[in-house]
N, C-alpha and C. Protein backbone atom coordinates (compact mmCIF):
# COMPACT_ATOMS: atom_id res chain seq x y z
N MET A 1 -16.34 -4.17 -3.47
CA MET A 1 -17.67 -4.45 -4.06
C MET A 1 -17.70 -3.67 -5.29
N ILE A 2 -18.50 -4.37 -6.46
CA ILE A 2 -18.89 -3.60 -7.67
C ILE A 2 -20.21 -3.09 -7.68
N VAL A 3 -20.36 -1.91 -8.19
CA VAL A 3 -21.86 -1.33 -8.23
C VAL A 3 -21.86 -1.26 -9.77
N VAL A 4 -22.97 -1.68 -10.29
CA VAL A 4 -23.24 -1.80 -11.55
C VAL A 4 -24.57 -0.98 -11.84
N LYS A 5 -24.40 -0.02 -12.79
CA LYS A 5 -25.34 1.18 -13.15
C LYS A 5 -25.54 1.27 -14.62
N GLY A 6 -26.26 0.58 -15.26
CA GLY A 6 -26.19 0.48 -16.72
C GLY A 6 -24.90 -0.41 -17.13
N ALA A 7 -24.34 0.38 -18.15
CA ALA A 7 -22.98 -0.22 -18.49
C ALA A 7 -21.69 0.20 -17.71
N ARG A 8 -21.99 1.16 -16.56
CA ARG A 8 -20.83 1.63 -16.04
C ARG A 8 -20.84 0.53 -14.42
N GLU A 9 -19.49 0.65 -14.34
CA GLU A 9 -19.08 -0.31 -13.10
C GLU A 9 -18.37 0.59 -12.29
N GLN A 10 -18.52 0.62 -11.00
CA GLN A 10 -17.85 1.49 -10.08
C GLN A 10 -17.37 0.49 -8.92
N TYR A 11 -16.06 0.74 -8.44
CA TYR A 11 -15.35 -0.30 -7.59
C TYR A 11 -15.31 0.43 -6.19
N LEU A 12 -15.64 -0.03 -5.25
CA LEU A 12 -15.87 0.45 -3.93
C LEU A 12 -15.12 -0.57 -3.00
N ALA A 13 -14.21 0.06 -2.05
CA ALA A 13 -13.88 -0.53 -0.69
C ALA A 13 -14.80 -0.53 0.33
N VAL A 14 -15.29 -1.44 0.88
CA VAL A 14 -16.32 -1.52 1.86
C VAL A 14 -16.11 -2.03 3.01
N GLY A 15 -16.45 -1.73 4.10
CA GLY A 15 -16.10 -2.20 5.66
C GLY A 15 -17.19 -3.17 5.93
N GLU A 16 -17.20 -3.50 7.16
CA GLU A 16 -18.14 -4.42 7.77
C GLU A 16 -19.47 -3.74 7.71
N GLY A 17 -20.41 -4.50 7.68
CA GLY A 17 -22.08 -4.08 7.55
C GLY A 17 -23.14 -5.00 7.33
N LEU A 18 -24.08 -4.56 6.78
CA LEU A 18 -25.30 -5.37 6.65
C LEU A 18 -25.89 -5.15 5.20
N VAL A 19 -26.23 -6.18 4.74
CA VAL A 19 -26.98 -6.25 3.10
C VAL A 19 -28.37 -6.67 3.18
N SER A 20 -29.13 -5.98 2.67
CA SER A 20 -30.38 -6.07 2.43
C SER A 20 -31.00 -6.23 0.80
N VAL A 21 -31.49 -7.60 0.43
CA VAL A 21 -31.71 -7.56 -0.92
C VAL A 21 -33.42 -7.87 -0.93
N THR A 22 -33.84 -7.03 -1.77
CA THR A 22 -35.28 -7.24 -1.88
C THR A 22 -35.76 -6.87 -3.42
N GLY A 23 -36.22 -7.96 -4.15
CA GLY A 23 -36.55 -7.97 -5.46
C GLY A 23 -35.38 -7.56 -6.46
N ASN A 24 -35.34 -6.05 -6.92
CA ASN A 24 -34.19 -5.83 -7.64
C ASN A 24 -33.35 -4.56 -6.96
N ARG A 25 -33.41 -4.51 -5.65
CA ARG A 25 -32.91 -3.72 -5.07
C ARG A 25 -32.04 -4.43 -3.77
N VAL A 26 -30.65 -3.54 -3.79
CA VAL A 26 -29.73 -4.01 -2.66
C VAL A 26 -29.60 -2.52 -1.83
N ALA A 27 -29.49 -2.75 -0.42
CA ALA A 27 -29.28 -1.89 0.50
C ALA A 27 -27.94 -2.21 1.09
N ILE A 28 -26.99 -1.38 1.35
CA ILE A 28 -26.05 -1.87 2.20
C ILE A 28 -25.68 -0.74 3.36
N ILE A 29 -25.70 -1.20 4.38
CA ILE A 29 -25.27 -0.44 5.70
C ILE A 29 -23.77 -0.58 5.92
N THR A 30 -22.96 0.22 5.86
CA THR A 30 -21.63 -0.21 6.17
C THR A 30 -20.61 0.90 6.97
N ASP A 31 -19.83 0.67 7.78
CA ASP A 31 -18.96 1.79 8.26
C ASP A 31 -17.83 2.28 7.54
N MET A 32 -17.67 1.60 6.19
CA MET A 32 -16.91 2.37 5.24
C MET A 32 -17.28 2.15 3.79
N ALA A 33 -17.20 2.97 2.87
CA ALA A 33 -17.34 2.89 1.61
C ALA A 33 -16.59 3.96 0.75
N VAL A 34 -15.60 3.31 0.14
CA VAL A 34 -14.49 4.45 -0.73
C VAL A 34 -14.51 4.08 -2.14
N ALA A 35 -14.92 4.97 -2.96
CA ALA A 35 -14.74 4.54 -4.36
C ALA A 35 -13.25 4.64 -4.75
N ALA A 36 -12.95 3.43 -5.44
CA ALA A 36 -11.51 3.21 -5.99
C ALA A 36 -10.74 4.44 -6.45
N GLU A 37 -11.62 5.15 -7.39
CA GLU A 37 -10.85 6.24 -7.88
C GLU A 37 -10.34 7.38 -6.90
N SER A 38 -10.97 7.31 -5.61
CA SER A 38 -10.49 8.34 -4.90
C SER A 38 -9.59 7.79 -3.71
N ILE A 39 -9.07 6.46 -3.92
CA ILE A 39 -8.36 5.98 -3.03
C ILE A 39 -6.81 6.33 -3.25
N ASP A 40 -6.13 6.78 -2.63
CA ASP A 40 -4.64 7.11 -2.63
C ASP A 40 -3.93 5.81 -2.33
N GLU A 41 -3.53 4.89 -3.28
CA GLU A 41 -2.85 3.78 -3.31
C GLU A 41 -1.53 3.94 -2.32
N ALA A 42 -0.77 4.76 -2.48
CA ALA A 42 0.47 4.96 -1.64
C ALA A 42 0.12 5.27 -0.12
N ARG A 43 -0.80 6.03 0.12
CA ARG A 43 -1.34 6.40 1.54
C ARG A 43 -1.71 4.97 2.09
N ALA A 44 -2.56 4.10 1.36
CA ALA A 44 -3.20 2.88 1.81
C ALA A 44 -2.22 1.84 2.11
N GLU A 45 -1.22 2.15 1.30
CA GLU A 45 -0.01 0.95 1.36
C GLU A 45 0.87 1.43 2.57
N GLU A 46 0.85 2.47 2.98
CA GLU A 46 1.76 3.14 3.99
C GLU A 46 0.96 2.64 5.15
N ALA A 47 -0.33 2.99 5.29
CA ALA A 47 -1.24 2.59 6.45
C ALA A 47 -0.91 1.02 6.53
N ARG A 48 -1.07 0.15 5.59
CA ARG A 48 -1.05 -1.19 5.76
C ARG A 48 0.52 -1.62 6.47
N GLN A 49 1.47 -1.05 6.05
CA GLN A 49 2.96 -1.21 6.55
C GLN A 49 2.92 -0.82 7.93
N ARG A 50 2.38 0.37 8.29
CA ARG A 50 2.34 0.91 9.75
C ARG A 50 1.52 0.10 10.54
N ALA A 51 0.37 -0.65 10.38
CA ALA A 51 -0.40 -1.38 11.06
C ALA A 51 0.33 -2.83 11.25
N ALA A 52 0.94 -3.22 10.34
CA ALA A 52 1.46 -4.71 10.29
C ALA A 52 2.69 -4.37 11.17
N ALA A 53 3.59 -3.33 11.13
CA ALA A 53 4.83 -3.12 12.06
C ALA A 53 4.37 -3.00 13.45
N ARG A 54 2.92 -2.16 13.65
CA ARG A 54 2.67 -2.03 15.04
C ARG A 54 2.10 -3.30 15.83
N LEU A 55 1.55 -4.27 14.79
CA LEU A 55 1.40 -5.62 15.40
C LEU A 55 2.24 -6.40 15.88
N GLN A 56 3.69 -5.98 15.31
CA GLN A 56 4.91 -6.79 15.95
C GLN A 56 5.27 -6.21 17.16
N GLU A 57 4.78 -5.17 17.60
CA GLU A 57 4.88 -4.57 18.95
C GLU A 57 4.26 -5.26 20.10
N LYS A 58 4.62 -5.10 21.35
CA LYS A 58 4.00 -5.41 22.51
C LYS A 58 2.90 -4.30 22.75
N ILE A 59 1.78 -4.40 22.53
CA ILE A 59 0.55 -3.62 22.65
C ILE A 59 -0.57 -4.34 23.33
N SER A 60 -1.41 -3.36 23.85
CA SER A 60 -2.51 -4.15 24.72
C SER A 60 -3.48 -4.67 23.79
N ASP A 61 -4.65 -5.58 24.30
CA ASP A 61 -5.51 -6.00 23.43
C ASP A 61 -6.51 -5.03 22.80
N GLU A 62 -6.65 -3.88 23.63
CA GLU A 62 -7.49 -2.66 22.91
C GLU A 62 -6.83 -2.18 21.72
N GLU A 63 -5.55 -2.03 21.68
CA GLU A 63 -4.67 -1.50 20.71
C GLU A 63 -4.57 -2.64 19.65
N VAL A 64 -4.38 -3.81 19.85
CA VAL A 64 -4.58 -4.88 18.67
C VAL A 64 -5.95 -4.68 18.02
N ALA A 65 -6.91 -4.61 18.58
CA ALA A 65 -8.21 -4.57 18.01
C ALA A 65 -8.42 -3.13 17.05
N SER A 66 -7.87 -2.16 17.56
CA SER A 66 -7.71 -0.85 17.03
C SER A 66 -6.70 -0.95 15.33
N VAL A 67 -5.72 -1.50 15.81
CA VAL A 67 -4.61 -1.74 14.73
C VAL A 67 -5.19 -2.65 13.68
N ASN A 68 -5.98 -3.92 14.13
CA ASN A 68 -6.55 -4.59 13.13
C ASN A 68 -7.44 -4.11 12.49
N ALA A 69 -8.27 -3.14 12.91
CA ALA A 69 -9.27 -2.47 12.18
C ALA A 69 -8.73 -1.65 11.06
N SER A 70 -7.71 -1.09 11.41
CA SER A 70 -6.81 0.01 10.39
C SER A 70 -6.33 -0.90 9.46
N LEU A 71 -5.76 -2.24 9.64
CA LEU A 71 -5.23 -3.15 8.78
C LEU A 71 -6.21 -3.57 7.78
N VAL A 72 -7.26 -3.89 8.29
CA VAL A 72 -8.69 -4.31 7.40
C VAL A 72 -8.82 -3.24 6.56
N ARG A 73 -9.03 -1.79 7.00
CA ARG A 73 -9.55 -0.80 6.02
C ARG A 73 -8.58 -0.63 4.95
N SER A 74 -7.51 -0.80 5.50
CA SER A 74 -6.34 -0.37 4.35
C SER A 74 -6.03 -1.39 3.18
N LEU A 75 -6.35 -2.62 3.67
CA LEU A 75 -6.35 -3.97 3.03
C LEU A 75 -7.55 -3.76 2.03
N ALA A 76 -8.70 -3.28 2.48
CA ALA A 76 -9.96 -3.43 1.62
C ALA A 76 -9.81 -2.32 0.41
N GLN A 77 -9.11 -1.19 0.99
CA GLN A 77 -8.97 -0.15 -0.16
C GLN A 77 -7.84 -0.51 -0.92
N LEU A 78 -6.95 -1.23 -0.77
CA LEU A 78 -5.72 -1.67 -1.71
C LEU A 78 -6.46 -2.66 -2.71
N ARG A 79 -7.38 -3.63 -2.06
CA ARG A 79 -7.75 -4.48 -2.93
C ARG A 79 -8.87 -3.83 -4.10
N ALA A 80 -9.54 -2.72 -3.61
CA ALA A 80 -10.62 -2.29 -4.52
C ALA A 80 -9.74 -1.33 -5.75
N LYS A 81 -8.53 -0.54 -5.12
CA LYS A 81 -7.82 0.21 -5.96
C LYS A 81 -7.01 -0.84 -6.97
N ARG A 82 -6.39 -2.00 -6.53
CA ARG A 82 -5.83 -2.71 -7.34
C ARG A 82 -6.65 -3.60 -8.49
N HIS A 83 -7.96 -3.98 -7.82
CA HIS A 83 -8.79 -4.53 -9.02
C HIS A 83 -9.24 -3.64 -10.08
N ARG A 84 -9.48 -2.45 -9.63
CA ARG A 84 -9.99 -1.73 -10.69
C ARG A 84 -9.02 -1.59 -11.74
N ARG A 85 -7.69 -1.61 -11.43
CA ARG A 85 -6.59 -1.36 -12.80
C ARG A 85 -6.88 -2.99 -13.54
N ILE A 86 -7.22 -4.11 -13.04
CA ILE A 86 -7.03 -5.22 -13.88
C ILE A 86 -7.83 -5.00 -15.10
């Protein structure tokens, strides 16, 4: 997500949530919002790799859901961090 205030743009990695738009105001309720500049790209990439490897193992449905959530979080962080560099 890109937040624009005046001439300043801030890139955020966001999770699932709700958006409310009224007039010129946008409100977002989410389970995750991390500023791109505070994301450690190496750690996010390691988390992505761990989650992808874990999904190759024989794990329970509950573990699959948890690992998928971790994978989605790390991918969102990587997208925000890498998009900011462009």
